Amino acid sequence: MAEEYKDNPIWHILVETAQKLPLYHAHLNYTKDVILPEDKKITPEELSQRLDISLGEAIVILSEINGD
């Protein structure tokens, strides 16, 4: 999923920005502990809507969890 974004020169800026958000770690943990056990194939778009977060943050969260 993040593979298509990682080659973009601003990928690292997106990651850094997302990780500085006050609720980033709460969203990351909630995704790992609650959402993924229910839906292992959730897309960044679905995660973004479900948590009411930006698409960029959702992409970074799923990338981090998947070890991308």
N, C-alpha and C. Protein backbone atom coordinates (compact mmCIF):
# COMPACT_ATOMS: atom_id res chain seq x y z
N MET A 1 0.82 -1.19 0.00
CA MET A 1 0.00 0.00 0.00
C MET A 1 0.86 1.25 0.00
N ALA A 2 1.81 1.36 0.89
CA ALA A 2 2.64 2.55 0.96
C ALA A 2 3.74 2.52 -0.08
N GLU A 3 3.93 1.37 -0.73
CA GLU A 3 5.00 1.26 -1.72
C GLU A 3 4.88 2.34 -2.78
N GLU A 4 3.65 2.62 -3.20
CA GLU A 4 3.45 3.61 -4.25
C GLU A 4 3.79 5.03 -3.79
N TYR A 5 3.82 5.25 -2.49
CA TYR A 5 4.11 6.58 -1.96
C TYR A 5 5.57 6.73 -1.52
N LYS A 6 6.20 5.64 -1.17
CA LYS A 6 7.54 5.70 -0.61
C LYS A 6 8.59 6.27 -1.55
N ASP A 7 8.37 6.16 -2.84
CA ASP A 7 9.32 6.72 -3.79
C ASP A 7 9.15 8.22 -3.98
N ASN A 8 8.07 8.74 -3.47
CA ASN A 8 7.82 10.17 -3.57
C ASN A 8 8.79 10.90 -2.64
N PRO A 9 9.40 11.98 -3.10
CA PRO A 9 10.37 12.68 -2.26
C PRO A 9 9.79 13.27 -0.97
N ILE A 10 8.48 13.43 -0.91
CA ILE A 10 7.93 14.00 0.33
C ILE A 10 7.36 12.94 1.28
N TRP A 11 7.60 11.65 1.00
CA TRP A 11 7.12 10.58 1.86
C TRP A 11 7.59 10.78 3.30
N HIS A 12 8.86 11.08 3.49
CA HIS A 12 9.42 11.24 4.84
C HIS A 12 8.79 12.43 5.57
N ILE A 13 8.42 13.44 4.81
CA ILE A 13 7.74 14.59 5.43
C ILE A 13 6.36 14.18 5.90
N LEU A 14 5.64 13.39 5.10
CA LEU A 14 4.32 12.90 5.50
C LEU A 14 4.42 12.06 6.76
N VAL A 15 5.38 11.15 6.81
CA VAL A 15 5.56 10.29 7.98
C VAL A 15 5.86 11.13 9.22
N GLU A 16 6.79 12.05 9.09
CA GLU A 16 7.16 12.89 10.23
C GLU A 16 5.97 13.73 10.71
N THR A 17 5.23 14.28 9.77
CA THR A 17 4.07 15.11 10.13
C THR A 17 3.00 14.28 10.82
N ALA A 18 2.69 13.11 10.28
CA ALA A 18 1.67 12.24 10.88
C ALA A 18 2.08 11.82 12.29
N GLN A 19 3.33 11.45 12.46
CA GLN A 19 3.80 10.97 13.76
C GLN A 19 3.85 12.07 14.82
N LYS A 20 3.84 13.31 14.42
CA LYS A 20 3.83 14.44 15.37
C LYS A 20 2.42 14.83 15.81
N LEU A 21 1.41 14.26 15.16
CA LEU A 21 0.04 14.59 15.56
C LEU A 21 -0.22 14.09 16.98
N PRO A 22 -0.92 14.88 17.78
CA PRO A 22 -1.13 14.51 19.19
C PRO A 22 -1.77 13.14 19.41
N LEU A 23 -2.67 12.73 18.54
CA LEU A 23 -3.37 11.46 18.74
C LEU A 23 -2.83 10.33 17.87
N TYR A 24 -1.70 10.55 17.21
CA TYR A 24 -1.15 9.54 16.31
C TYR A 24 -0.96 8.20 17.02
N HIS A 25 -0.31 8.19 18.16
CA HIS A 25 -0.03 6.93 18.84
C HIS A 25 -1.30 6.26 19.36
N ALA A 26 -2.28 7.06 19.75
CA ALA A 26 -3.57 6.50 20.16
C ALA A 26 -4.26 5.85 18.96
N HIS A 27 -4.22 6.52 17.82
CA HIS A 27 -4.82 5.96 16.60
C HIS A 27 -4.08 4.71 16.16
N LEU A 28 -2.77 4.73 16.26
CA LEU A 28 -1.96 3.56 15.89
C LEU A 28 -2.31 2.36 16.77
N ASN A 29 -2.35 2.58 18.07
CA ASN A 29 -2.65 1.48 18.99
C ASN A 29 -4.08 0.98 18.83
N TYR A 30 -5.02 1.88 18.65
CA TYR A 30 -6.42 1.47 18.45
C TYR A 30 -6.55 0.65 17.17
N THR A 31 -5.85 1.07 16.14
CA THR A 31 -5.89 0.32 14.88
C THR A 31 -5.34 -1.08 15.08
N LYS A 32 -4.20 -1.19 15.77
CA LYS A 32 -3.58 -2.50 16.01
C LYS A 32 -4.44 -3.39 16.88
N ASP A 33 -4.99 -2.82 17.95
CA ASP A 33 -5.68 -3.62 18.96
C ASP A 33 -7.15 -3.89 18.67
N VAL A 34 -7.81 -2.99 17.97
CA VAL A 34 -9.25 -3.12 17.78
C VAL A 34 -9.65 -3.31 16.32
N ILE A 35 -9.16 -2.45 15.46
CA ILE A 35 -9.63 -2.46 14.08
C ILE A 35 -9.07 -3.63 13.28
N LEU A 36 -7.77 -3.85 13.33
CA LEU A 36 -7.18 -4.92 12.52
C LEU A 36 -7.64 -6.32 12.92
N PRO A 37 -7.85 -6.62 14.19
CA PRO A 37 -8.40 -7.94 14.50
C PRO A 37 -9.79 -8.17 13.88
N GLU A 38 -10.55 -7.10 13.68
CA GLU A 38 -11.87 -7.19 13.07
C GLU A 38 -11.80 -7.22 11.55
N ASP A 39 -10.85 -6.47 10.98
CA ASP A 39 -10.79 -6.29 9.52
C ASP A 39 -9.33 -6.16 9.09
N LYS A 40 -8.70 -7.28 8.82
CA LYS A 40 -7.27 -7.29 8.48
C LYS A 40 -6.97 -6.64 7.13
N LYS A 41 -7.97 -6.50 6.28
CA LYS A 41 -7.76 -5.95 4.94
C LYS A 41 -8.29 -4.53 4.80
N ILE A 42 -8.37 -3.80 5.90
CA ILE A 42 -8.89 -2.43 5.84
C ILE A 42 -7.97 -1.57 4.98
N THR A 43 -8.56 -0.73 4.18
CA THR A 43 -7.80 0.16 3.31
C THR A 43 -7.53 1.48 4.05
N PRO A 44 -6.55 2.23 3.58
CA PRO A 44 -6.32 3.54 4.19
C PRO A 44 -7.55 4.45 4.13
N GLU A 45 -8.29 4.36 3.03
CA GLU A 45 -9.50 5.18 2.90
C GLU A 45 -10.54 4.79 3.95
N GLU A 46 -10.72 3.50 4.16
CA GLU A 46 -11.68 3.03 5.17
C GLU A 46 -11.22 3.41 6.57
N LEU A 47 -9.94 3.27 6.85
CA LEU A 47 -9.41 3.63 8.17
C LEU A 47 -9.57 5.12 8.41
N SER A 48 -9.30 5.90 7.40
CA SER A 48 -9.46 7.35 7.50
C SER A 48 -10.89 7.73 7.87
N GLN A 49 -11.84 7.10 7.22
CA GLN A 49 -13.25 7.39 7.51
C GLN A 49 -13.65 6.88 8.88
N ARG A 50 -13.20 5.69 9.21
CA ARG A 50 -13.60 5.08 10.49
C ARG A 50 -13.09 5.87 11.69
N LEU A 51 -11.84 6.36 11.60
CA LEU A 51 -11.26 7.11 12.73
C LEU A 51 -11.42 8.62 12.59
N ASP A 52 -11.98 9.06 11.46
CA ASP A 52 -12.10 10.49 11.17
C ASP A 52 -10.73 11.17 11.25
N ILE A 53 -9.77 10.58 10.51
CA ILE A 53 -8.42 11.12 10.44
C ILE A 53 -8.09 11.38 8.96
N SER A 54 -6.99 12.06 8.74
CA SER A 54 -6.59 12.33 7.35
C SER A 54 -6.16 11.03 6.67
N LEU A 55 -6.27 11.03 5.36
CA LEU A 55 -5.84 9.88 4.58
C LEU A 55 -4.33 9.67 4.76
N GLY A 56 -3.58 10.75 4.84
CA GLY A 56 -2.14 10.64 5.04
C GLY A 56 -1.79 9.93 6.33
N GLU A 57 -2.47 10.28 7.42
CA GLU A 57 -2.22 9.62 8.70
C GLU A 57 -2.58 8.14 8.61
N ALA A 58 -3.68 7.84 7.96
CA ALA A 58 -4.10 6.44 7.81
C ALA A 58 -3.07 5.63 7.03
N ILE A 59 -2.53 6.21 5.97
CA ILE A 59 -1.51 5.53 5.18
C ILE A 59 -0.27 5.27 6.02
N VAL A 60 0.15 6.25 6.79
CA VAL A 60 1.34 6.10 7.63
C VAL A 60 1.09 5.04 8.71
N ILE A 61 -0.07 5.05 9.34
CA ILE A 61 -0.40 4.07 10.37
C ILE A 61 -0.34 2.65 9.81
N LEU A 62 -1.00 2.42 8.70
CA LEU A 62 -1.00 1.07 8.13
C LEU A 62 0.39 0.67 7.63
N SER A 63 1.14 1.62 7.13
CA SER A 63 2.51 1.34 6.70
C SER A 63 3.36 0.93 7.88
N GLU A 64 3.24 1.64 8.99
CA GLU A 64 4.03 1.32 10.18
C GLU A 64 3.65 -0.06 10.73
N ILE A 65 2.36 -0.33 10.80
CA ILE A 65 1.91 -1.62 11.33
C ILE A 65 2.38 -2.77 10.43
N ASN A 66 2.34 -2.56 9.13
CA ASN A 66 2.73 -3.61 8.19
C ASN A 66 4.24 -3.70 7.97
N GLY A 67 4.97 -2.80 8.61
CA GLY A 67 6.43 -2.82 8.49
C GLY A 67 6.92 -2.37 7.13
N ASP A 68 6.11 -1.58 6.44
CA ASP A 68 6.51 -1.08 5.11
C ASP A 68 7.55 0.02 5.24
